[in-house]
Every structure is written in structure tokens, then in C-alpha cells.
PDB file of N, CA and C in Angstrom:
ATOM      1  N   MET A   1      81.550  69.271 119.855  1.00  0.00           N
ATOM      2  CA  MET A   1      82.547  68.538 118.324  1.00  0.00           C
ATOM      3  C   MET A   1      81.871  69.264 117.259  1.00  0.00           C
ATOM      4  N   ASP A   2      80.810  69.621 117.039  1.00  0.00           N
ATOM      5  CA  ASP A   2      80.037  70.693 115.873  1.00  0.00           C
ATOM      6  C   ASP A   2      80.717  71.802 115.429  1.00  0.00           C
ATOM      7  N   GLN A   3      80.786  72.377 116.915  1.00  0.00           N
ATOM      8  CA  GLN A   3      81.485  73.783 117.166  1.00  0.00           C
ATOM      9  C   GLN A   3      82.857  73.905 116.632  1.00  0.00           C
ATOM     10  N   ILE A   4      83.658  72.980 117.231  1.00  0.00           N
ATOM     11  CA  ILE A   4      84.820  72.747 116.806  1.00  0.00           C
ATOM     12  C   ILE A   4      84.861  72.925 115.203  1.00  0.00           C
ATOM     13  N   VAL A   5      84.375  72.067 114.575  1.00  0.00           N
ATOM     14  CA  VAL A   5      84.439  71.699 113.040  1.00  0.00           C
ATOM     15  C   VAL A   5      83.891  73.122 112.249  1.00  0.00           C
ATOM     16  N   LEU A   6      82.939  73.582 112.785  1.00  0.00           N
ATOM     17  CA  LEU A   6      82.478  74.979 112.074  1.00  0.00           C
ATOM     18  C   LEU A   6      83.509  75.817 112.299  1.00  0.00           C
ATOM     19  N   ASN A   7      84.190  76.198 113.901  1.00  0.00           N
ATOM     20  CA  ASN A   7      85.244  76.925 113.679  1.00  0.00           C
ATOM     21  C   ASN A   7      86.362  76.692 112.895  1.00  0.00           C
ATOM     22  N   SER A   8      86.759  75.608 112.978  1.00  0.00           N
ATOM     23  CA  SER A   8      87.812  75.265 111.967  1.00  0.00           C
ATOM     24  C   SER A   8      87.625  75.592 110.244  1.00  0.00           C
ATOM     25  N   VAL A   9      86.111  75.318 110.124  1.00  0.00           N
ATOM     26  CA  VAL A   9      86.041  75.672 108.679  1.00  0.00           C
ATOM     27  C   VAL A   9      85.768  77.465 108.450  1.00  0.00           C
ATOM     28  N   MET A  10      85.498  77.943 109.332  1.00  0.00           N
ATOM     29  CA  MET A  10      85.514  79.574 109.253  1.00  0.00           C
ATOM     30  C   MET A  10      86.909  80.234 109.589  1.00  0.00           C
ATOM     31  N   ALA A  11      87.694  79.482 109.854  1.00  0.00           N
ATOM     32  CA  ALA A  11      89.073  79.555 110.052  1.00  0.00           C
ATOM     33  C   ALA A  11      89.839  79.586 108.759  1.00  0.00           C
ATOM     34  N   ALA A  12      89.482  78.075 108.331  1.00  0.00           N
ATOM     35  CA  ALA A  12      90.058  78.183 106.796  1.00  0.00           C
ATOM     36  C   ALA A  12      89.413  79.240 105.781  1.00  0.00           C
ATOM     37  N   LEU A  13      88.229  79.468 105.545  1.00  0.00           N
ATOM     38  CA  LEU A  13      87.693  80.562 104.872  1.00  0.00           C
ATOM     39  C   LEU A  13      88.367  81.916 104.943  1.00  0.00           C
ATOM     40  N   ILE A  14      88.434  82.290 106.240  1.00  0.00           N
ATOM     41  CA  ILE A  14      88.979  83.674 106.468  1.00  0.00           C
ATOM     42  C   ILE A  14      90.527  83.624 105.764  1.00  0.00           C
ATOM     43  N   ALA A  15      91.243  82.394 106.192  1.00  0.00           N
ATOM     44  CA  ALA A  15      92.639  82.307 105.956  1.00  0.00           C
ATOM     45  C   ALA A  15      92.634  82.528 104.146  1.00  0.00           C
ATOM     46  N   ALA A  16      91.559  81.442 103.723  1.00  0.00           N
ATOM     47  CA  ALA A  16      91.393  81.843 102.199  1.00  0.00           C
ATOM     48  C   ALA A  16      91.282  83.177 101.639  1.00  0.00           C
ATOM     49  N   ALA A  17      90.387  84.022 102.583  1.00  0.00           N
ATOM     50  CA  ALA A  17      89.924  85.259 101.730  1.00  0.00           C
ATOM     51  C   ALA A  17      91.103  86.267 102.052  1.00  0.00           C
ATOM     52  N   PHE A  18      91.826  85.826 103.127  1.00  0.00           N
ATOM     53  CA  PHE A  18      93.363  86.913 103.269  1.00  0.00           C
ATOM     54  C   PHE A  18      94.184  86.742 102.206  1.00  0.00           C
ATOM     55  N   LEU A  19      94.484  85.508 102.149  1.00  0.00           N
ATOM     56  CA  LEU A  19      95.471  84.822 100.773  1.00  0.00           C
ATOM     57  C   LEU A  19      94.957  85.679  99.626  1.00  0.00           C
ATOM     58  N   THR A  20      93.821  85.356  99.226  1.00  0.00           N
ATOM     59  CA  THR A  20      93.430  85.836  98.085  1.00  0.00           C
ATOM     60  C   THR A  20      93.634  87.512  97.762  1.00  0.00           C
ATOM     61  N   ALA A  21      93.267  88.310  99.170  1.00  0.00           N
ATOM     62  CA  ALA A  21      93.875  89.515  98.758  1.00  0.00           C
ATOM     63  C   ALA A  21      94.892  89.939  99.023  1.00  0.00           C
ATOM     64  N   ALA A  22      95.830  89.299  99.796  1.00  0.00           N
ATOM     65  CA  ALA A  22      97.187  89.478  99.713  1.00  0.00           C
ATOM     66  C   ALA A  22      97.724  89.005  98.269  1.00  0.00           C
ATOM     67  N   ILE A  23      97.038  87.942  97.428  1.00  0.00           N
ATOM     68  CA  ILE A  23      97.829  87.860  96.267  1.00  0.00           C
ATOM     69  C   ILE A  23      97.200  88.938  95.011  1.00  0.00           C
ATOM     70  N   SER A  24      96.123  89.290  95.419  1.00  0.00           N
ATOM     71  CA  SER A  24      95.376  90.317  94.373  1.00  0.00           C
ATOM     72  C   SER A  24      96.310  91.799  94.299  1.00  0.00           C
ATOM     73  N   VAL A  25      96.527  92.355  96.124  1.00  0.00           N
ATOM     74  CA  VAL A  25      97.528  93.294  95.879  1.00  0.00           C
ATOM     75  C   VAL A  25      99.343  93.473  95.547  1.00  0.00           C
ATOM     76  N   LEU A  26      99.367  91.979  95.500  1.00  0.00           N
ATOM     77  CA  LEU A  26     101.075  92.044  94.901  1.00  0.00           C
ATOM     78  C   LEU A  26     100.719  91.678  93.409  1.00  0.00           C
ATOM     79  N   ARG A  27      99.588  91.332  92.821  1.00  0.00           N
ATOM     80  CA  ARG A  27      99.753  91.414  91.400  1.00  0.00           C
ATOM     81  C   ARG A  27      99.555  92.958  90.747  1.00  0.00           C
ATOM     82  N   SER A  28      98.712  93.586  91.484  1.00  0.00           N
ATOM     83  CA  SER A  28      98.325  95.029  91.065  1.00  0.00           C
ATOM     84  C   SER A  28      99.779  95.776  91.572  1.00  0.00           C
ATOM     85  N   ARG A  29     100.405  95.460  92.130  1.00  0.00           N
ATOM     86  CA  ARG A  29     101.514  96.102  92.289  1.00  0.00           C
ATOM     87  C   ARG A  29     102.359  96.133  91.033  1.00  0.00           C
ATOM     88  N   ASP A  30     102.726  95.057  90.771  1.00  0.00           N
ATOM     89  CA  ASP A  30     103.036  94.757  89.249  1.00  0.00           C
ATOM     90  C   ASP A  30     102.754  95.617  88.314  1.00  0.00           C
ATOM     91  N   ARG A  31     101.347  95.789  87.953  1.00  0.00           N
ATOM     92  CA  ARG A  31     100.685  96.243  87.068  1.00  0.00           C
ATOM     93  C   ARG A  31     101.183  97.814  87.189  1.00  0.00           C
ATOM     94  N   SER A  32     101.167  98.577  88.547  1.00  0.00           N
ATOM     95  CA  SER A  32     101.428 100.052  88.805  1.00  0.00           C
ATOM     96  C   SER A  32     102.764 100.093  88.333  1.00  0.00           C
ATOM     97  N   ARG A  33     103.757  99.151  88.259  1.00  0.00           N
ATOM     98  CA  ARG A  33     105.344  99.502  88.213  1.00  0.00           C
ATOM     99  C   ARG A  33     105.487  99.738  86.474  1.00  0.00           C
ATOM    100  N   GLN A  34     104.352  99.213  85.718  1.00  0.00           N
ATOM    101  CA  GLN A  34     104.585  99.564  84.118  1.00  0.00           C
ATOM    102  C   GLN A  34     104.396 100.970  84.208  1.00  0.00           C
ATOM    103  N   ARG A  35     105.002 101.751  82.967  1.00  0.00           N
ATOM    104  CA  ARG A  35     105.278 103.174  82.915  1.00  0.00           C
ATOM    105  C   ARG A  35     104.351 103.444  81.720  1.00  0.00           C
ATOM    106  N   VAL A  36     103.178 104.283  82.034  1.00  0.00           N
ATOM    107  CA  VAL A  36     102.700 104.737  81.023  1.00  0.00           C
ATOM    108  C   VAL A  36     102.802 106.143  80.445  1.00  0.00           C
ATOM    109  N   PRO A  37     102.998 106.332  79.327  1.00  0.00           N
ATOM    110  CA  PRO A  37     103.140 107.696  78.808  1.00  0.00           C
ATOM    111  C   PRO A  37     102.141 108.734  79.052  1.00  0.00           C
ATOM    112  N   VAL A  38     101.944 110.243  79.581  1.00  0.00           N
ATOM    113  CA  VAL A  38     101.756 110.889  79.879  1.00  0.00           C
ATOM    114  C   VAL A  38     102.007 112.155  79.213  1.00  0.00           C
ATOM    115  N   LYS A  39     100.893 112.918  78.585  1.00  0.00           N
ATOM    116  CA  LYS A  39     101.283 114.361  78.377  1.00  0.00           C
ATOM    117  C   LYS A  39     100.878 115.199  79.351  1.00  0.00           C
ATOM    118  N   ILE A  40     101.962 116.138  79.465  1.00  0.00           N
ATOM    119  CA  ILE A  40     101.681 117.056  80.773  1.00  0.00           C
ATOM    120  C   ILE A  40     101.797 118.353  80.037  1.00  0.00           C
ATOM    121  N   ARG A  41     100.487 119.375  79.855  1.00  0.00           N
ATOM    122  CA  ARG A  41     100.456 120.374  79.359  1.00  0.00           C
ATOM    123  C   ARG A  41     101.198 121.558  80.470  1.00  0.00           C
ATOM    124  N   VAL A  42     102.159 122.194  79.848  1.00  0.00           N
ATOM    125  CA  VAL A  42     102.815 123.354  80.827  1.00  0.00           C
ATOM    126  C   VAL A  42     101.618 124.840  80.524  1.00  0.00           C
ATOM    127  N   GLN A  43     101.339 125.246  81.362  1.00  0.00           N
ATOM    128  CA  GLN A  43     100.610 126.501  81.149  1.00  0.00           C
ATOM    129  C   GLN A  43     101.372 127.668  81.408  1.00  0.00           C
ATOM    130  N   ARG A  44     101.464 128.364  80.486  1.00  0.00           N
ATOM    131  CA  ARG A  44     102.584 129.451  80.154  1.00  0.00           C
ATOM    132  C   ARG A  44     101.538 130.772  80.483  1.00  0.00           C
ATOM    133  N   ASP A  45     102.144 131.845  81.061  1.00  0.00           N
ATOM    134  CA  ASP A  45     101.581 132.966  81.214  1.00  0.00           C
ATOM    135  C   ASP A  45     101.716 134.014  79.886  1.00  0.00           C
ATOM    136  N   ARG A  46     100.824 134.027  79.221  1.00  0.00           N
ATOM    137  CA  ARG A  46     100.634 134.779  78.100  1.00  0.00           C
ATOM    138  C   ARG A  46     101.176 136.220  77.980  1.00  0.00           C
ATOM    139  N   ASN A  47     101.609 136.567  79.143  1.00  0.00           N
ATOM    140  CA  ASN A  47     101.671 138.123  79.215  1.00  0.00           C
ATOM    141  C   ASN A  47     103.306 138.243  79.030  1.00  0.00           C
ATOM    142  N   ILE A  48     104.152 137.232  79.659  1.00  0.00           N
ATOM    143  CA  ILE A  48     105.463 137.237  79.538  1.00  0.00           C
ATOM    144  C   ILE A  48     106.033 137.633  78.151  1.00  0.00           C
ATOM    145  N   GLY A  49     105.381 137.338  77.131  1.00  0.00           N
ATOM    146  CA  GLY A  49     105.975 137.785  75.785  1.00  0.00           C
ATOM    147  C   GLY A  49     106.030 139.120  75.423  1.00  0.00           C
ATOM    148  N   SER A  50     104.975 139.646  76.560  1.00  0.00           N
ATOM    149  CA  SER A  50     104.587 141.098  75.529  1.00  0.00           C
ATOM    150  C   SER A  50     105.578 142.027  76.304  1.00  0.00           C
ATOM    151  N   ARG A  51     106.114 141.540  77.439  1.00  0.00           N
ATOM    152  CA  ARG A  51     107.262 141.951  78.395  1.00  0.00           C
ATOM    153  C   ARG A  51     108.215 142.384  77.720  1.00  0.00           C
ATOM    154  N   LEU A  52     108.761 141.386  77.175  1.00  0.00           N
ATOM    155  CA  LEU A  52     110.025 141.307  76.479  1.00  0.00           C
ATOM    156  C   LEU A  52     110.125 142.295  75.318  1.00  0.00           C
TER     157      LEU A  52
END
């Protein structure tokens, strides 16, 4: 009887941990959809201007 109770408690804890992880992933996915301004530096060859 005690083993059944302990197994049930462990199953509930594992399910709670799984749900917590799933909710965390879903919430972080919403954050990743936000646009963040990023500056991209374009490296240009310095020798191109002297060829013209």
C-alpha cells in the first residue's frame, strides 16, 4: 500500500515538472518572436575604390 502511494506521488511530481518545463518553453517562444533591432556592419573591400 505504501509503495502505491509513493509511486503515485512520484508520478504527480514528474507530471508537474513536465508541465512546468512545457509552459516555460511556450513562454520563451513568445519572447523569441519579438523583433530586436540589430546593426549589421558590412565589410567592404578597401581595394575596390582604387580599381575604379
